[in-house]
C-alpha atoms as a PDB file:
ATOM      1  CA  MET A   1      12.805  -5.042 -24.419  1.00  0.00           C
ATOM      2  CA  LEU A   2       9.587  -5.160 -22.852  1.00  0.00           C
ATOM      3  CA  ASP A   3       8.553  -8.781 -24.081  1.00  0.00           C
ATOM      4  CA  ALA A   4      12.269  -9.835 -23.414  1.00  0.00           C
ATOM      5  CA  LYS A   5      11.239  -8.862 -19.711  1.00  0.00           C
ATOM      6  CA  LEU A   6       8.232 -10.758 -19.736  1.00  0.00           C
ATOM      7  CA  ASN A   7       9.462 -13.188 -20.842  1.00  0.00           C
ATOM      8  CA  HIS A   8      12.237 -13.054 -18.118  1.00  0.00           C
ATOM      9  CA  LEU A   9       9.519 -12.970 -15.817  1.00  0.00           C
ATOM     10  CA  GLN A  10       7.288 -16.085 -16.676  1.00  0.00           C
ATOM     11  CA  ASP A  11      10.533 -18.188 -17.262  1.00  0.00           C
ATOM     12  CA  LEU A  12      11.654 -17.468 -13.866  1.00  0.00           C
ATOM     13  CA  LEU A  13       7.572 -18.151 -12.346  1.00  0.00           C
ATOM     14  CA  ARG A  14       8.257 -21.366 -14.064  1.00  0.00           C
ATOM     15  CA  SER A  15      11.490 -22.484 -12.859  1.00  0.00           C
ATOM     16  CA  PHE A  16       9.593 -22.264  -9.369  1.00  0.00           C
ATOM     17  CA  GLY A  17       7.186 -24.833 -10.082  1.00  0.00           C
ATOM     18  CA  SER A  18       4.943 -23.527  -7.546  1.00  0.00           C
ATOM     19  CA  CYS A  19       4.805 -20.329  -4.982  1.00  0.00           C
ATOM     20  CA  VAL A  20       3.005 -18.345  -2.836  1.00  0.00           C
ATOM     21  CA  VAL A  21       2.701 -14.855  -3.599  1.00  0.00           C
ATOM     22  CA  ALA A  22       2.281 -11.931  -0.969  1.00  0.00           C
ATOM     23  CA  TYR A  23      -0.618  -9.991  -2.464  1.00  0.00           C
ATOM     24  CA  SER A  24      -1.992  -6.481  -1.515  1.00  0.00           C
ATOM     25  CA  GLY A  25      -4.180  -5.707  -4.091  1.00  0.00           C
ATOM     26  CA  GLY A  26      -1.686  -2.639  -5.464  1.00  0.00           C
ATOM     27  CA  VAL A  27       0.075  -2.447  -9.154  1.00  0.00           C
ATOM     28  CA  ASP A  28       2.926  -4.524  -8.548  1.00  0.00           C
ATOM     29  CA  SER A  29       1.468  -7.564  -7.067  1.00  0.00           C
ATOM     30  CA  VAL A  30      -1.367  -8.128  -9.234  1.00  0.00           C
ATOM     31  CA  LEU A  31       0.669  -8.452 -12.242  1.00  0.00           C
ATOM     32  CA  LEU A  32       2.730 -10.617  -9.878  1.00  0.00           C
ATOM     33  CA  ALA A  33      -0.225 -13.009  -8.858  1.00  0.00           C
ATOM     34  CA  LYS A  34      -1.636 -12.670 -12.641  1.00  0.00           C
ATOM     35  CA  VAL A  35       1.259 -13.712 -14.846  1.00  0.00           C
ATOM     36  CA  ALA A  36       2.016 -16.368 -11.695  1.00  0.00           C
ATOM     37  CA  HIS A  37      -1.148 -17.674 -12.516  1.00  0.00           C
ATOM     38  CA  ASP A  38      -0.994 -17.546 -16.427  1.00  0.00           C
ATOM     39  CA  VAL A  39       2.244 -19.243 -15.772  1.00  0.00           C
ATOM     40  CA  LEU A  40       1.286 -22.069 -12.948  1.00  0.00           C
ATOM     41  CA  GLY A  41      -2.141 -22.272 -13.219  1.00  0.00           C
ATOM     42  CA  GLU A  42      -3.351 -23.338  -9.453  1.00  0.00           C
ATOM     43  CA  LYS A  43       0.188 -23.852  -8.133  1.00  0.00           C
ATOM     44  CA  ALA A  44       0.323 -20.552  -7.678  1.00  0.00           C
ATOM     45  CA  LEU A  45      -1.621 -18.599  -4.930  1.00  0.00           C
ATOM     46  CA  ALA A  46      -1.733 -15.136  -3.749  1.00  0.00           C
ATOM     47  CA  ALA A  47      -2.152 -14.314   0.011  1.00  0.00           C
ATOM     48  CA  ILE A  48      -3.231 -11.183   1.383  1.00  0.00           C
ATOM     49  CA  ALA A  49      -2.682 -10.003   4.811  1.00  0.00           C
ATOM     50  CA  ASP A  50      -5.503  -8.513   6.628  1.00  0.00           C
ATOM     51  CA  SER A  51      -5.052  -6.502   9.374  1.00  0.00           C
ATOM     52  CA  PRO A  52      -6.185  -2.712  10.469  1.00  0.00           C
ATOM     53  CA  SER A  53      -3.773  -1.135   8.201  1.00  0.00           C
ATOM     54  CA  LEU A  54      -5.857  -2.194   5.147  1.00  0.00           C
ATOM     55  CA  PRO A  55      -8.659  -0.040   3.862  1.00  0.00           C
ATOM     56  CA  ARG A  56     -11.325  -2.021   3.214  1.00  0.00           C
ATOM     57  CA  ARG A  57     -11.656  -1.146  -0.110  1.00  0.00           C
ATOM     58  CA  GLU A  58      -8.755  -1.829  -1.063  1.00  0.00           C
ATOM     59  CA  LEU A  59      -9.581  -5.681   0.619  1.00  0.00           C
ATOM     60  CA  ALA A  60     -12.795  -5.947  -1.500  1.00  0.00           C
ATOM     61  CA  GLU A  61     -11.058  -4.529  -4.455  1.00  0.00           C
ATOM     62  CA  ALA A  62      -7.947  -6.738  -3.849  1.00  0.00           C
ATOM     63  CA  LEU A  63     -10.233 -10.005  -4.020  1.00  0.00           C
ATOM     64  CA  ALA A  64     -12.289  -8.907  -6.624  1.00  0.00           C
ATOM     65  CA  LEU A  65      -9.185  -8.818  -8.840  1.00  0.00           C
ATOM     66  CA  GLY A  66      -8.384 -12.559  -7.990  1.00  0.00           C
ATOM     67  CA  THR A  67     -12.064 -13.548  -8.580  1.00  0.00           C
ATOM     68  CA  ARG A  68     -12.269 -10.981 -12.081  1.00  0.00           C
ATOM     69  CA  PHE A  69      -8.433 -12.773 -13.194  1.00  0.00           C
ATOM     70  CA  GLY A  70      -9.665 -16.516 -11.946  1.00  0.00           C
ATOM     71  CA  PHE A  71      -6.254 -16.380  -9.837  1.00  0.00           C
ATOM     72  CA  LEU A  72      -6.700 -17.848  -6.113  1.00  0.00           C
ATOM     73  CA  VAL A  73      -6.722 -15.362  -3.178  1.00  0.00           C
ATOM     74  CA  ARG A  74      -6.130 -16.394   0.354  1.00  0.00           C
ATOM     75  CA  VAL A  75      -7.120 -13.747   3.098  1.00  0.00           C
ATOM     76  CA  VAL A  76      -4.497 -14.301   6.339  1.00  0.00           C
ATOM     77  CA  ASN A  77      -5.033 -12.685   9.416  1.00  0.00           C
ATOM     78  CA  THR A  78      -1.234 -11.245  10.480  1.00  0.00           C
ATOM     79  CA  ALA A  79      -0.052 -10.371  13.920  1.00  0.00           C
ATOM     80  CA  GLU A  80       1.851  -6.967  13.520  1.00  0.00           C
ATOM     81  CA  PHE A  81      -0.390  -5.313  15.922  1.00  0.00           C
ATOM     82  CA  ALA A  82       0.552  -7.479  18.950  1.00  0.00           C
ATOM     83  CA  ASP A  83       3.968  -6.226  18.336  1.00  0.00           C
ATOM     84  CA  THR A  84       4.664  -2.838  20.183  1.00  0.00           C
ATOM     85  CA  ARG A  85       8.237  -2.624  18.295  1.00  0.00           C
ATOM     86  CA  TYR A  86       5.194  -1.868  15.048  1.00  0.00           C
ATOM     87  CA  LEU A  87       3.117   0.173  17.795  1.00  0.00           C
ATOM     88  CA  ALA A  88       5.685   2.077  18.594  1.00  0.00           C
ATOM     89  CA  ASN A  89       6.342   3.306  14.550  1.00  0.00           C
ATOM     90  CA  PRO A  90      10.169   3.389  14.368  1.00  0.00           C
ATOM     91  CA  THR A  91      11.496   4.107  11.384  1.00  0.00           C
ATOM     92  CA  ASN A  92      11.697   0.340  10.040  1.00  0.00           C
ATOM     93  CA  ARG A  93       8.027  -0.106  11.368  1.00  0.00           C
ATOM     94  CA  CYS A  94       7.798  -1.782   7.677  1.00  0.00           C
ATOM     95  CA  TYR A  95      10.247  -4.059   8.785  1.00  0.00           C
ATOM     96  CA  PHE A  96       7.673  -5.881  11.432  1.00  0.00           C
ATOM     97  CA  CYS A  97       5.059  -5.572   8.898  1.00  0.00           C
ATOM     98  CA  LYS A  98       6.606  -7.663   6.295  1.00  0.00           C
ATOM     99  CA  HIS A  99       8.409 -10.024   9.200  1.00  0.00           C
ATOM    100  CA  ALA A 100       4.678 -10.495  10.551  1.00  0.00           C
ATOM    101  CA  LEU A 101       3.176 -11.424   7.060  1.00  0.00           C
ATOM    102  CA  PHE A 102       6.593 -13.753   6.192  1.00  0.00           C
ATOM    103  CA  THR A 103       6.032 -15.385   9.494  1.00  0.00           C
ATOM    104  CA  GLU A 104       2.138 -16.525   8.361  1.00  0.00           C
ATOM    105  CA  LEU A 105       3.462 -16.966   4.664  1.00  0.00           C
ATOM    106  CA  ALA A 106       6.130 -19.619   5.539  1.00  0.00           C
ATOM    107  CA  PRO A 107       4.629 -22.259   7.377  1.00  0.00           C
ATOM    108  CA  LEU A 108       1.482 -22.022   4.986  1.00  0.00           C
ATOM    109  CA  ALA A 109       3.759 -22.888   1.818  1.00  0.00           C
ATOM    110  CA  GLN A 110       5.342 -25.615   3.634  1.00  0.00           C
ATOM    111  CA  ALA A 111       2.145 -27.032   4.534  1.00  0.00           C
ATOM    112  CA  GLU A 112       0.881 -26.653   1.337  1.00  0.00           C
ATOM    113  CA  GLY A 113       3.467 -27.577  -0.703  1.00  0.00           C
ATOM    114  CA  PHE A 114       4.259 -24.199  -2.416  1.00  0.00           C
ATOM    115  CA  ALA A 115       7.622 -24.625  -3.221  1.00  0.00           C
ATOM    116  CA  VAL A 116       8.626 -20.552  -3.092  1.00  0.00           C
ATOM    117  CA  LEU A 117       7.704 -17.584  -1.411  1.00  0.00           C
ATOM    118  CA  ALA A 118       7.402 -14.224  -4.030  1.00  0.00           C
ATOM    119  CA  TYR A 119       6.656 -10.571  -3.416  1.00  0.00           C
ATOM    120  CA  GLY A 120       6.167  -7.424  -5.611  1.00  0.00           C
ATOM    121  CA  GLU A 121       8.989  -6.013  -4.912  1.00  0.00           C
ATOM    122  CA  ASN A 122      10.474  -3.957  -8.960  1.00  0.00           C
ATOM    123  CA  ALA A 123      13.479  -2.564  -9.878  1.00  0.00           C
ATOM    124  CA  SER A 124      12.649   0.685  -9.573  1.00  0.00           C
ATOM    125  CA  ASP A 125      12.779   0.516  -5.579  1.00  0.00           C
ATOM    126  CA  LEU A 126      16.903  -0.311  -5.494  1.00  0.00           C
ATOM    127  CA  GLY A 127      18.464   2.310  -3.512  1.00  0.00           C
ATOM    128  CA  ASP A 128      15.039   3.329  -1.579  1.00  0.00           C
ATOM    129  CA  HIS A 129      15.265   2.697   1.835  1.00  0.00           C
ATOM    130  CA  ARG A 130      12.937  -0.109   2.012  1.00  0.00           C
ATOM    131  CA  PRO A 131      12.977  -2.285   5.733  1.00  0.00           C
ATOM    132  CA  GLY A 132      10.393  -4.909   4.550  1.00  0.00           C
ATOM    133  CA  ALA A 133      12.804  -6.740   2.093  1.00  0.00           C
ATOM    134  CA  THR A 134      15.101  -7.063   4.875  1.00  0.00           C
ATOM    135  CA  ALA A 135      12.627  -9.060   6.173  1.00  0.00           C
ATOM    136  CA  ALA A 136      12.210 -10.703   3.097  1.00  0.00           C
ATOM    137  CA  ALA A 137      15.678 -11.603   2.600  1.00  0.00           C
ATOM    138  CA  GLU A 138      15.250 -13.581   6.308  1.00  0.00           C
ATOM    139  CA  PHE A 139      12.535 -15.462   4.746  1.00  0.00           C
ATOM    140  CA  SER A 140      14.181 -15.862   1.383  1.00  0.00           C
ATOM    141  CA  VAL A 141      11.483 -14.729  -0.698  1.00  0.00           C
ATOM    142  CA  ARG A 142      12.252 -14.256  -3.979  1.00  0.00           C
ATOM    143  CA  ALA A 143      11.054 -10.540  -5.995  1.00  0.00           C
ATOM    144  CA  PRO A 144      10.881 -11.920  -9.388  1.00  0.00           C
ATOM    145  CA  LEU A 145       9.613  -8.511 -10.778  1.00  0.00           C
ATOM    146  CA  LYS A 146      12.676  -6.909  -9.295  1.00  0.00           C
ATOM    147  CA  GLU A 147      14.875  -9.944 -10.636  1.00  0.00           C
ATOM    148  CA  ALA A 148      13.065  -9.872 -14.388  1.00  0.00           C
ATOM    149  CA  GLY A 149      14.584  -6.072 -14.365  1.00  0.00           C
ATOM    150  CA  LEU A 150      11.015  -4.331 -14.285  1.00  0.00           C
ATOM    151  CA  THR A 151      11.032  -0.792 -13.578  1.00  0.00           C
ATOM    152  CA  LYS A 152       7.981   0.806 -11.668  1.00  0.00           C
ATOM    153  CA  ALA A 153       6.622   2.393 -15.480  1.00  0.00           C
ATOM    154  CA  GLU A 154       7.058  -0.929 -16.925  1.00  0.00           C
ATOM    155  CA  VAL A 155       5.385  -2.762 -14.513  1.00  0.00           C
ATOM    156  CA  ARG A 156       2.127  -0.899 -15.290  1.00  0.00           C
ATOM    157  CA  GLU A 157       2.831  -0.510 -19.009  1.00  0.00           C
ATOM    158  CA  LEU A 158       2.659  -4.273 -18.711  1.00  0.00           C
ATOM    159  CA  SER A 159      -0.749  -4.405 -16.661  1.00  0.00           C
ATOM    160  CA  ALA A 160      -2.177  -1.862 -19.417  1.00  0.00           C
ATOM    161  CA  ARG A 161      -1.526  -4.436 -22.493  1.00  0.00           C
ATOM    162  CA  LEU A 162      -2.628  -7.237 -19.726  1.00  0.00           C
ATOM    163  CA  GLY A 163      -6.137  -5.819 -19.448  1.00  0.00           C
ATOM    164  CA  LEU A 164      -5.509  -5.207 -15.461  1.00  0.00           C
ATOM    165  CA  PRO A 165      -7.493  -2.349 -13.989  1.00  0.00           C
ATOM    166  CA  THR A 166      -4.429  -1.400 -11.631  1.00  0.00           C
ATOM    167  CA  ALA A 167      -2.162  -0.093 -14.547  1.00  0.00           C
ATOM    168  CA  ASP A 168      -3.183   3.407 -13.282  1.00  0.00           C
ATOM    169  CA  LYS A 169      -3.828   2.866  -9.406  1.00  0.00           C
ATOM    170  CA  PRO A 170      -1.898   5.121  -7.500  1.00  0.00           C
ATOM    171  CA  GLN A 171       0.742   3.752  -5.159  1.00  0.00           C
ATOM    172  CA  LEU A 172      -1.065   3.392  -2.036  1.00  0.00           C
ATOM    173  CA  ALA A 173       0.945   2.153   0.992  1.00  0.00           C
ATOM    174  CA  CYS A 174      -0.771   0.605   4.352  1.00  0.00           C
ATOM    175  CA  LEU A 175      -2.652   3.190   6.094  1.00  0.00           C
ATOM    176  CA  SER A 176      -0.054   2.699   9.514  1.00  0.00           C
ATOM    177  CA  SER A 177       2.458   5.307   6.668  1.00  0.00           C
ATOM    178  CA  ARG A 178      -0.029   8.230   6.889  1.00  0.00           C
ATOM    179  CA  ILE A 179       1.335   8.295  10.886  1.00  0.00           C
ATOM    180  CA  PRO A 180       4.643  10.297  11.332  1.00  0.00           C
ATOM    181  CA  THR A 181       7.308   8.304  12.480  1.00  0.00           C
ATOM    182  CA  GLY A 182       7.781   7.988  16.507  1.00  0.00           C
ATOM    183  CA  GLU A 183       3.853   8.595  16.698  1.00  0.00           C
ATOM    184  CA  SER A 184       2.160   5.585  17.863  1.00  0.00           C
ATOM    185  CA  VAL A 185      -0.071   3.499  15.223  1.00  0.00           C
ATOM    186  CA  THR A 186      -3.189   2.262  16.564  1.00  0.00           C
ATOM    187  CA  PRO A 187      -6.627   0.886  15.370  1.00  0.00           C
ATOM    188  CA  ALA A 188      -8.782   3.860  16.037  1.00  0.00           C
ATOM    189  CA  LYS A 189      -5.961   6.374  14.402  1.00  0.00           C
ATOM    190  CA  LEU A 190      -6.001   4.266  11.057  1.00  0.00           C
ATOM    191  CA  ARG A 191     -10.114   4.423  11.336  1.00  0.00           C
ATOM    192  CA  MET A 192     -10.232   7.861  10.862  1.00  0.00           C
ATOM    193  CA  ILE A 193      -7.424   8.006   8.448  1.00  0.00           C
ATOM    194  CA  GLU A 194      -9.379   5.331   6.367  1.00  0.00           C
ATOM    195  CA  GLU A 195     -12.844   7.203   6.615  1.00  0.00           C
ATOM    196  CA  ALA A 196     -11.361  10.820   5.951  1.00  0.00           C
ATOM    197  CA  GLU A 197      -9.311   9.367   2.458  1.00  0.00           C
ATOM    198  CA  TYR A 198     -12.930   7.668   1.518  1.00  0.00           C
ATOM    199  CA  PHE A 199     -14.839  11.031   2.043  1.00  0.00           C
ATOM    200  CA  LEU A 200     -11.745  12.395  -0.418  1.00  0.00           C
ATOM    201  CA  ARG A 201     -11.770   9.794  -2.622  1.00  0.00           C
ATOM    202  CA  ASP A 202     -15.531   9.422  -2.891  1.00  0.00           C
ATOM    203  CA  ALA A 203     -15.214  13.212  -4.025  1.00  0.00           C
ATOM    204  CA  GLY A 204     -12.986  12.679  -6.811  1.00  0.00           C
ATOM    205  CA  TYR A 205      -9.888  13.182  -5.692  1.00  0.00           C
ATOM    206  CA  HIS A 206      -6.984  10.624  -7.225  1.00  0.00           C
ATOM    207  CA  ASP A 207      -4.067  11.340  -5.448  1.00  0.00           C
ATOM    208  CA  VAL A 208      -4.913  11.460  -1.301  1.00  0.00           C
ATOM    209  CA  ARG A 209      -2.879  11.046   1.526  1.00  0.00           C
ATOM    210  CA  VAL A 210      -4.720  11.987   4.822  1.00  0.00           C
ATOM    211  CA  ARG A 211      -1.368  12.335   7.106  1.00  0.00           C
ATOM    212  CA  HIS A 212      -2.451  12.139  11.034  1.00  0.00           C
ATOM    213  CA  HIS A 213      -0.877  14.248  14.015  1.00  0.00           C
ATOM    214  CA  GLU A 214      -1.335  14.484  17.302  1.00  0.00           C
ATOM    215  CA  ILE A 215      -0.552  17.759  18.344  1.00  0.00           C
ATOM    216  CA  ALA A 216      -1.878  19.327  22.245  1.00  0.00           C
ATOM    217  CA  GLN A 217      -5.153  20.170  21.350  1.00  0.00           C
ATOM    218  CA  GLY A 218      -6.208  16.466  19.759  1.00  0.00           C
ATOM    219  CA  ALA A 219      -5.575  14.978  16.071  1.00  0.00           C
ATOM    220  CA  LEU A 220      -4.895  17.348  13.217  1.00  0.00           C
ATOM    221  CA  ALA A 221      -5.108  15.878   9.918  1.00  0.00           C
ATOM    222  CA  ARG A 222      -2.776  17.476   7.187  1.00  0.00           C
ATOM    223  CA  ILE A 223      -4.034  16.287   3.796  1.00  0.00           C
ATOM    224  CA  GLU A 224      -1.897  15.843   1.101  1.00  0.00           C
ATOM    225  CA  LEU A 225      -3.460  16.253  -2.960  1.00  0.00           C
ATOM    226  CA  GLY A 226      -1.785  15.818  -6.299  1.00  0.00           C
ATOM    227  CA  ALA A 227      -0.489  18.931  -7.848  1.00  0.00           C
ATOM    228  CA  THR A 228      -3.040  19.067 -10.493  1.00  0.00           C
ATOM    229  CA  GLU A 229      -5.875  18.833  -7.628  1.00  0.00           C
ATOM    230  CA  LEU A 230      -5.096  21.464  -5.961  1.00  0.00           C
ATOM    231  CA  PRO A 231      -7.056  24.278  -7.751  1.00  0.00           C
ATOM    232  CA  ARG A 232      -9.645  21.753  -8.140  1.00  0.00           C
ATOM    233  CA  PHE A 233      -9.718  22.282  -3.910  1.00  0.00           C
ATOM    234  CA  TRP A 234      -9.862  26.264  -3.606  1.00  0.00           C
ATOM    235  CA  ALA A 235     -13.534  25.777  -5.752  1.00  0.00           C
ATOM    236  CA  GLY A 236     -16.761  25.699  -4.142  1.00  0.00           C
ATOM    237  CA  ASP A 237     -17.744  24.749  -1.049  1.00  0.00           C
ATOM    238  CA  PHE A 238     -15.799  21.486  -0.685  1.00  0.00           C
ATOM    239  CA  ARG A 239     -12.884  22.816   1.996  1.00  0.00           C
ATOM    240  CA  GLN A 240     -16.109  23.691   4.110  1.00  0.00           C
ATOM    241  CA  GLN A 241     -17.949  19.992   3.582  1.00  0.00           C
ATOM    242  CA  LEU A 242     -14.266  18.589   4.194  1.00  0.00           C
ATOM    243  CA  SER A 243     -13.686  20.332   7.418  1.00  0.00           C
ATOM    244  CA  GLN A 244     -16.744  20.024   8.728  1.00  0.00           C
ATOM    245  CA  ARG A 245     -16.816  15.690   7.579  1.00  0.00           C
ATOM    246  CA  LEU A 246     -13.274  15.707   9.267  1.00  0.00           C
ATOM    247  CA  GLN A 247     -14.617  17.027  12.366  1.00  0.00           C
ATOM    248  CA  THR A 248     -17.167  13.955  13.017  1.00  0.00           C
ATOM    249  CA  LEU A 249     -14.580  11.517  12.927  1.00  0.00           C
ATOM    250  CA  GLY A 250     -12.475  13.305  15.626  1.00  0.00           C
ATOM    251  CA  TYR A 251     -10.135  16.080  14.149  1.00  0.00           C
ATOM    252  CA  CYS A 252      -9.687  19.186  15.575  1.00  0.00           C
ATOM    253  CA  HIS A 253      -7.975  20.718  13.126  1.00  0.00           C
ATOM    254  CA  VAL A 254      -7.761  20.281   8.962  1.00  0.00           C
ATOM    255  CA  THR A 255      -4.974  21.547   7.166  1.00  0.00           C
ATOM    256  CA  LEU A 256      -3.957  21.439   3.522  1.00  0.00           C
ATOM    257  CA  ASP A 257      -0.434  20.613   2.782  1.00  0.00           C
ATOM    258  CA  LEU A 258       0.549  23.441   0.451  1.00  0.00           C
ATOM    259  CA  LEU A 259       3.626  21.232  -1.075  1.00  0.00           C
ATOM    260  CA  GLY A 260       1.171  18.737  -2.412  1.00  0.00           C
ATOM    261  CA  TYR A 261       1.066  14.679  -2.628  1.00  0.00           C
ATOM    262  CA  ARG A 262       4.722  13.004  -2.151  1.00  0.00           C
ATOM    263  CA  ARG A 263       6.103  10.289  -0.707  1.00  0.00           C
ATOM    264  CA  GLY A 264       7.845   9.909   2.814  1.00  0.00           C
ATOM    265  CA  SER A 265       6.355  12.988   3.835  1.00  0.00           C
ATOM    266  CA  THR A 266       5.643  11.103   7.825  1.00  0.00           C
ATOM    267  CA  ASN A 267       9.132  10.577   7.980  1.00  0.00           C
ATOM    268  CA  GLY A 268      10.951  13.570  10.107  1.00  0.00           C
ATOM    269  CA  VAL A 269      12.333  14.906   7.758  1.00  0.00           C
ATOM    270  CA  GLU A 270      10.771  17.481   6.208  1.00  0.00           C
ATOM    271  CA  SER A 271       8.784  20.480   8.097  1.00  0.00           C
ATOM    272  CA  PRO A 272       5.469  21.020   5.999  1.00  0.00           C
ATOM    273  CA  VAL A 273       3.663  24.492   5.336  1.00  0.00           C
ATOM    274  CA  HIS A 274      -0.185  23.886   6.520  1.00  0.00           C
ATOM    275  CA  PHE A 275      -3.583  25.583   5.345  1.00  0.00           C
ATOM    276  CA  ARG A 276      -5.810  25.834   8.175  1.00  0.00           C
ATOM    277  CA  SER A 277      -9.646  25.827   7.371  1.00  0.00           C
ATOM    278  CA  PRO A 278     -11.191  28.834   8.440  1.00  0.00           C
ATOM    279  CA  ALA A 279     -13.800  26.223  10.051  1.00  0.00           C
ATOM    280  CA  THR A 280     -11.583  25.069  12.351  1.00  0.00           C
ATOM    281  CA  ALA A 281     -10.001  28.088  13.111  1.00  0.00           C
END
């Protein structure tokens, strides 16, 4: 079954003749860029959007993957941070982000003779709240992974088979997703979030989100960790180190979400329970 889906994906890409892949360095887009390169060679181009919402390490790793696996990567600067609708952080913020991306990629593809725009939506994304898919439809962007029927689990399995180090990479939405719906997005907030998550990842935590909340006293960091990582968090003196580090970044309170990491916890539909570190009480 998986071989048949891979063959379908390859046939789809071959039928394009040439394509630009909207590339992020995540699990889906890396697989898509790799297979597109395998099928189309230099007639496939991976284009990554650079803006304050993309962590610097993610950009560096995405570029390194292109070098390692031989596919071309182009860095494209996008202008979503010039759009007040994006900065207002509505429920469809991702629409404005993807619209800004495809606004850059469509003329690039036309000018350089690439026939198709493609992005990494997969079959597991069906039914999700995905405003970005609306923008993709407006620009006639194809979703070859979804068209081939590849689920997220199958994308990971294929990635492992092809030797891609992203096979077990955690999902990593853009930094703006850490800010609750309706609270404004700013480059300064994103830098705080990025550095806070670096600190946790450098300490060995895998599934990490630092949610940024504006409260009366200033900024509050609500940390989400994978369920299996919570016991380790309570051991040793890391909580003290973490609290001190995040205070230097500008957070007046540091909290741990007892429900752990889950997608969509800043979309306003739940009221999480917090733990406040004694160091910030």
